[in-house]
Amino acid sequence: MGLVALNRTLDQELLALMRGASLECPACGEFVLHRDGVIACPECGSGLRKEGLTALHLDVQAG
């Protein structure tokens, strides 16, 4: 049996992070921290936070 590639979209990755199914940063692949409604990566500084009931705010800066 061969290897099967698993490709996810960014939307799927972000939703997996928000529901706690994933602990991997979509930007750098390191583990993220969940604290006070904020999901943040200590390595690259990217983060997610909930706004309202369904909206997500992504705090990522290129560079």
PDB file of N, CA and C in Angstrom:
ATOM      1  N   MET A   1       0.847  -1.176   0.000  1.00  0.00           N
ATOM      2  CA  MET A   1       0.000   0.000   0.000  1.00  0.00           C
ATOM      3  C   MET A   1       0.894   1.242   0.000  1.00  0.00           C
ATOM      4  N   GLY A   2       0.588   2.193  -0.890  1.00  0.00           N
ATOM      5  CA  GLY A   2       1.388   3.407  -1.005  1.00  0.00           C
ATOM      6  C   GLY A   2       0.913   4.507  -0.070  1.00  0.00           C
ATOM      7  N   LEU A   3       1.659   5.576  -0.042  1.00  0.00           N
ATOM      8  CA  LEU A   3       1.290   6.737   0.754  1.00  0.00           C
ATOM      9  C   LEU A   3       0.188   7.512   0.064  1.00  0.00           C
ATOM     10  N   VAL A   4      -0.699   8.091   0.849  1.00  0.00           N
ATOM     11  CA  VAL A   4      -1.791   8.891   0.329  1.00  0.00           C
ATOM     12  C   VAL A   4      -1.551  10.330   0.762  1.00  0.00           C
ATOM     13  N   ALA A   5      -1.569  11.241  -0.200  1.00  0.00           N
ATOM     14  CA  ALA A   5      -1.369  12.657   0.112  1.00  0.00           C
ATOM     15  C   ALA A   5      -2.632  13.231   0.746  1.00  0.00           C
ATOM     16  N   LEU A   6      -2.462  14.053   1.763  1.00  0.00           N
ATOM     17  CA  LEU A   6      -3.577  14.714   2.424  1.00  0.00           C
ATOM     18  C   LEU A   6      -3.408  16.214   2.219  1.00  0.00           C
ATOM     19  N   ASN A   7      -4.248  16.783   1.406  1.00  0.00           N
ATOM     20  CA  ASN A   7      -4.188  18.212   1.128  1.00  0.00           C
ATOM     21  C   ASN A   7      -5.396  18.885   1.755  1.00  0.00           C
ATOM     22  N   ARG A   8      -5.158  19.961   2.468  1.00  0.00           N
ATOM     23  CA  ARG A   8      -6.226  20.733   3.081  1.00  0.00           C
ATOM     24  C   ARG A   8      -6.156  22.162   2.579  1.00  0.00           C
ATOM     25  N   THR A   9      -7.303  22.799   2.529  1.00  0.00           N
ATOM     26  CA  THR A   9      -7.335  24.210   2.178  1.00  0.00           C
ATOM     27  C   THR A   9      -7.057  25.030   3.438  1.00  0.00           C
ATOM     28  N   LEU A  10      -6.742  26.300   3.249  1.00  0.00           N
ATOM     29  CA  LEU A  10      -6.496  27.174   4.399  1.00  0.00           C
ATOM     30  C   LEU A  10      -7.740  27.268   5.272  1.00  0.00           C
ATOM     31  N   ASP A  11      -8.923  27.333   4.658  1.00  0.00           N
ATOM     32  CA  ASP A  11     -10.161  27.380   5.436  1.00  0.00           C
ATOM     33  C   ASP A  11     -10.303  26.157   6.333  1.00  0.00           C
ATOM     34  N   GLN A  12      -9.991  24.986   5.808  1.00  0.00           N
ATOM     35  CA  GLN A  12     -10.086  23.765   6.593  1.00  0.00           C
ATOM     36  C   GLN A  12      -9.071  23.770   7.733  1.00  0.00           C
ATOM     37  N   GLU A  13      -7.868  24.267   7.473  1.00  0.00           N
ATOM     38  CA  GLU A  13      -6.837  24.342   8.517  1.00  0.00           C
ATOM     39  C   GLU A  13      -7.256  25.294   9.638  1.00  0.00           C
ATOM     40  N   LEU A  14      -7.803  26.459   9.271  1.00  0.00           N
ATOM     41  CA  LEU A  14      -8.209  27.438  10.275  1.00  0.00           C
ATOM     42  C   LEU A  14      -9.370  26.915  11.114  1.00  0.00           C
ATOM     43  N   LEU A  15     -10.324  26.252  10.486  1.00  0.00           N
ATOM     44  CA  LEU A  15     -11.441  25.679  11.234  1.00  0.00           C
ATOM     45  C   LEU A  15     -10.972  24.565  12.167  1.00  0.00           C
ATOM     46  N   ALA A  16     -10.017  23.758  11.714  1.00  0.00           N
ATOM     47  CA  ALA A  16      -9.464  22.709  12.569  1.00  0.00           C
ATOM     48  C   ALA A  16      -8.755  23.316  13.780  1.00  0.00           C
ATOM     49  N   LEU A  17      -8.053  24.419  13.581  1.00  0.00           N
ATOM     50  CA  LEU A  17      -7.409  25.119  14.703  1.00  0.00           C
ATOM     51  C   LEU A  17      -8.444  25.641  15.691  1.00  0.00           C
ATOM     52  N   MET A  18      -9.508  26.267  15.173  1.00  0.00           N
ATOM     53  CA  MET A  18     -10.515  26.873  16.035  1.00  0.00           C
ATOM     54  C   MET A  18     -11.264  25.848  16.871  1.00  0.00           C
ATOM     55  N   ARG A  19     -11.490  24.666  16.335  1.00  0.00           N
ATOM     56  CA  ARG A  19     -12.219  23.654  17.116  1.00  0.00           C
ATOM     57  C   ARG A  19     -11.280  22.758  17.921  1.00  0.00           C
ATOM     58  N   GLY A  20      -9.977  22.994  17.847  1.00  0.00           N
ATOM     59  CA  GLY A  20      -9.018  22.253  18.654  1.00  0.00           C
ATOM     60  C   GLY A  20      -8.575  20.933  18.056  1.00  0.00           C
ATOM     61  N   ALA A  21      -8.932  20.670  16.802  1.00  0.00           N
ATOM     62  CA  ALA A  21      -8.548  19.409  16.158  1.00  0.00           C
ATOM     63  C   ALA A  21      -7.110  19.442  15.660  1.00  0.00           C
ATOM     64  N   SER A  22      -6.561  20.621  15.468  1.00  0.00           N
ATOM     65  CA  SER A  22      -5.192  20.767  15.003  1.00  0.00           C
ATOM     66  C   SER A  22      -4.413  21.639  15.983  1.00  0.00           C
ATOM     67  N   LEU A  23      -3.167  21.331  16.172  1.00  0.00           N
ATOM     68  CA  LEU A  23      -2.299  22.131  17.043  1.00  0.00           C
ATOM     69  C   LEU A  23      -1.121  22.699  16.265  1.00  0.00           C
ATOM     70  N   GLU A  24      -1.205  22.676  14.932  1.00  0.00           N
ATOM     71  CA  GLU A  24      -0.097  23.081  14.077  1.00  0.00           C
ATOM     72  C   GLU A  24      -0.375  24.436  13.427  1.00  0.00           C
ATOM     73  N   CYS A  25       0.600  25.321  13.476  1.00  0.00           N
ATOM     74  CA  CYS A  25       0.492  26.634  12.848  1.00  0.00           C
ATOM     75  C   CYS A  25       0.463  26.473  11.327  1.00  0.00           C
ATOM     76  N   PRO A  26      -0.534  27.071  10.640  1.00  0.00           N
ATOM     77  CA  PRO A  26      -0.577  26.950   9.181  1.00  0.00           C
ATOM     78  C   PRO A  26       0.538  27.732   8.482  1.00  0.00           C
ATOM     79  N   ALA A  27       1.181  28.665   9.175  1.00  0.00           N
ATOM     80  CA  ALA A  27       2.234  29.470   8.556  1.00  0.00           C
ATOM     81  C   ALA A  27       3.601  28.802   8.649  1.00  0.00           C
ATOM     82  N   CYS A  28       3.954  28.259   9.834  1.00  0.00           N
ATOM     83  CA  CYS A  28       5.308  27.722   9.999  1.00  0.00           C
ATOM     84  C   CYS A  28       5.356  26.259  10.434  1.00  0.00           C
ATOM     85  N   GLY A  29       4.225  25.693  10.852  1.00  0.00           N
ATOM     86  CA  GLY A  29       4.189  24.285  11.219  1.00  0.00           C
ATOM     87  C   GLY A  29       4.525  23.977  12.671  1.00  0.00           C
ATOM     88  N   GLU A  30       4.820  24.990  13.473  1.00  0.00           N
ATOM     89  CA  GLU A  30       5.120  24.771  14.894  1.00  0.00           C
ATOM     90  C   GLU A  30       3.819  24.622  15.687  1.00  0.00           C
ATOM     91  N   PHE A  31       3.937  24.187  16.933  1.00  0.00           N
ATOM     92  CA  PHE A  31       2.772  24.060  17.799  1.00  0.00           C
ATOM     93  C   PHE A  31       2.251  25.433  18.187  1.00  0.00           C
ATOM     94  N   VAL A  32       0.915  25.560  18.293  1.00  0.00           N
ATOM     95  CA  VAL A  32       0.283  26.816  18.687  1.00  0.00           C
ATOM     96  C   VAL A  32      -0.165  26.732  20.139  1.00  0.00           C
ATOM     97  N   LEU A  33      -0.401  27.886  20.745  1.00  0.00           N
ATOM     98  CA  LEU A  33      -0.888  27.985  22.112  1.00  0.00           C
ATOM     99  C   LEU A  33      -2.321  28.491  22.095  1.00  0.00           C
ATOM    100  N   HIS A  34      -3.192  27.869  22.892  1.00  0.00           N
ATOM    101  CA  HIS A  34      -4.585  28.278  23.030  1.00  0.00           C
ATOM    102  C   HIS A  34      -4.742  28.961  24.384  1.00  0.00           C
ATOM    103  N   ARG A  35      -5.054  30.281  24.378  1.00  0.00           N
ATOM    104  CA  ARG A  35      -5.244  31.015  25.634  1.00  0.00           C
ATOM    105  C   ARG A  35      -6.278  32.109  25.468  1.00  0.00           C
ATOM    106  N   ASP A  36      -7.267  32.149  26.337  1.00  0.00           N
ATOM    107  CA  ASP A  36      -8.258  33.224  26.426  1.00  0.00           C
ATOM    108  C   ASP A  36      -8.906  33.561  25.078  1.00  0.00           C
ATOM    109  N   GLY A  37      -9.301  32.562  24.310  1.00  0.00           N
ATOM    110  CA  GLY A  37      -9.946  32.793  23.023  1.00  0.00           C
ATOM    111  C   GLY A  37      -8.993  33.183  21.911  1.00  0.00           C
ATOM    112  N   VAL A  38      -7.697  33.148  22.186  1.00  0.00           N
ATOM    113  CA  VAL A  38      -6.690  33.493  21.182  1.00  0.00           C
ATOM    114  C   VAL A  38      -5.828  32.265  20.925  1.00  0.00           C
ATOM    115  N   ILE A  39      -5.574  31.994  19.667  1.00  0.00           N
ATOM    116  CA  ILE A  39      -4.673  30.914  19.276  1.00  0.00           C
ATOM    117  C   ILE A  39      -3.466  31.580  18.641  1.00  0.00           C
ATOM    118  N   ALA A  40      -2.300  31.415  19.237  1.00  0.00           N
ATOM    119  CA  ALA A  40      -1.106  32.123  18.776  1.00  0.00           C
ATOM    120  C   ALA A  40       0.073  31.173  18.617  1.00  0.00           C
ATOM    121  N   CYS A  41       0.917  31.484  17.648  1.00  0.00           N
ATOM    122  CA  CYS A  41       2.138  30.722  17.424  1.00  0.00           C
ATOM    123  C   CYS A  41       3.308  31.502  18.029  1.00  0.00           C
ATOM    124  N   PRO A  42       4.006  30.924  19.007  1.00  0.00           N
ATOM    125  CA  PRO A  42       5.127  31.635  19.617  1.00  0.00           C
ATOM    126  C   PRO A  42       6.342  31.735  18.692  1.00  0.00           C
ATOM    127  N   GLU A  43       6.406  30.883  17.672  1.00  0.00           N
ATOM    128  CA  GLU A  43       7.559  30.868  16.768  1.00  0.00           C
ATOM    129  C   GLU A  43       7.498  32.008  15.745  1.00  0.00           C
ATOM    130  N   CYS A  44       6.378  32.096  14.987  1.00  0.00           N
ATOM    131  CA  CYS A  44       6.296  33.092  13.908  1.00  0.00           C
ATOM    132  C   CYS A  44       5.428  34.293  14.260  1.00  0.00           C
ATOM    133  N   GLY A  45       4.655  34.214  15.360  1.00  0.00           N
ATOM    134  CA  GLY A  45       3.849  35.340  15.793  1.00  0.00           C
ATOM    135  C   GLY A  45       2.475  35.429  15.169  1.00  0.00           C
ATOM    136  N   SER A  46       2.084  34.478  14.320  1.00  0.00           N
ATOM    137  CA  SER A  46       0.740  34.526  13.742  1.00  0.00           C
ATOM    138  C   SER A  46      -0.273  34.140  14.801  1.00  0.00           C
ATOM    139  N   GLY A  47      -1.517  34.596  14.618  1.00  0.00           N
ATOM    140  CA  GLY A  47      -2.529  34.296  15.620  1.00  0.00           C
ATOM    141  C   GLY A  47      -3.930  34.394  15.080  1.00  0.00           C
ATOM    142  N   LEU A  48      -4.849  33.764  15.776  1.00  0.00           N
ATOM    143  CA  LEU A  48      -6.276  33.800  15.470  1.00  0.00           C
ATOM    144  C   LEU A  48      -7.016  34.214  16.722  1.00  0.00           C
ATOM    145  N   ARG A  49      -8.084  34.962  16.551  1.00  0.00           N
ATOM    146  CA  ARG A  49      -8.949  35.252  17.686  1.00  0.00           C
ATOM    147  C   ARG A  49     -10.378  35.320  17.204  1.00  0.00           C
ATOM    148  N   LYS A  50     -11.301  34.944  18.069  1.00  0.00           N
ATOM    149  CA  LYS A  50     -12.716  34.962  17.721  1.00  0.00           C
ATOM    150  C   LYS A  50     -13.250  36.371  17.865  1.00  0.00           C
ATOM    151  N   GLU A  51     -14.079  36.766  16.906  1.00  0.00           N
ATOM    152  CA  GLU A  51     -14.801  38.042  16.969  1.00  0.00           C
ATOM    153  C   GLU A  51     -16.268  37.740  16.746  1.00  0.00           C
ATOM    154  N   GLY A  52     -17.082  37.933  17.754  1.00  0.00           N
ATOM    155  CA  GLY A  52     -18.489  37.580  17.635  1.00  0.00           C
ATOM    156  C   GLY A  52     -18.659  36.076  17.730  1.00  0.00           C
ATOM    157  N   LEU A  53     -19.649  35.554  17.027  1.00  0.00           N
ATOM    158  CA  LEU A  53     -19.928  34.131  17.110  1.00  0.00           C
ATOM    159  C   LEU A  53     -19.281  33.326  16.002  1.00  0.00           C
ATOM    160  N   THR A  54     -19.203  33.871  14.793  1.00  0.00           N
ATOM    161  CA  THR A  54     -18.712  33.066  13.676  1.00  0.00           C
ATOM    162  C   THR A  54     -17.522  33.655  12.945  1.00  0.00           C
ATOM    163  N   ALA A  55     -17.174  34.904  13.211  1.00  0.00           N
ATOM    164  CA  ALA A  55     -16.103  35.548  12.455  1.00  0.00           C
ATOM    165  C   ALA A  55     -14.737  35.213  13.060  1.00  0.00           C
ATOM    166  N   LEU A  56     -13.741  35.124  12.192  1.00  0.00           N
ATOM    167  CA  LEU A  56     -12.363  34.908  12.614  1.00  0.00           C
ATOM    168  C   LEU A  56     -11.530  36.107  12.189  1.00  0.00           C
ATOM    169  N   HIS A  57     -10.586  36.468  12.999  1.00  0.00           N
ATOM    170  CA  HIS A  57      -9.648  37.527  12.653  1.00  0.00           C
ATOM    171  C   HIS A  57      -8.254  36.912  12.651  1.00  0.00           C
ATOM    172  N   LEU A  58      -7.559  37.003  11.521  1.00  0.00           N
ATOM    173  CA  LEU A  58      -6.237  36.398  11.390  1.00  0.00           C
ATOM    174  C   LEU A  58      -5.183  37.491  11.493  1.00  0.00           C
ATOM    175  N   ASP A  59      -4.305  37.371  12.489  1.00  0.00           N
ATOM    176  CA  ASP A  59      -3.237  38.354  12.701  1.00  0.00           C
ATOM    177  C   ASP A  59      -1.921  37.789  12.182  1.00  0.00           C
ATOM    178  N   VAL A  60      -1.635  38.010  10.899  1.00  0.00           N
ATOM    179  CA  VAL A  60      -0.395  37.535  10.312  1.00  0.00           C
ATOM    180  C   VAL A  60       0.224  38.668   9.523  1.00  0.00           C
ATOM    181  N   GLN A  61       1.521  38.840   9.656  1.00  0.00           N
ATOM    182  CA  GLN A  61       2.211  39.879   8.911  1.00  0.00           C
ATOM    183  C   GLN A  61       3.285  39.234   8.064  1.00  0.00           C
ATOM    184  N   ALA A  62       3.295  39.534   6.786  1.00  0.00           N
ATOM    185  CA  ALA A  62       4.298  38.979   5.884  1.00  0.00           C
ATOM    186  C   ALA A  62       5.640  39.648   6.129  1.00  0.00           C
ATOM    187  N   GLY A  63       6.701  38.886   5.899  1.00  0.00           N
ATOM    188  CA  GLY A  63       8.003  39.505   5.979  1.00  0.00           C
ATOM    189  C   GLY A  63       8.865  38.887   6.919  1.00  0.00           C
TER     190      GLY A  63
END
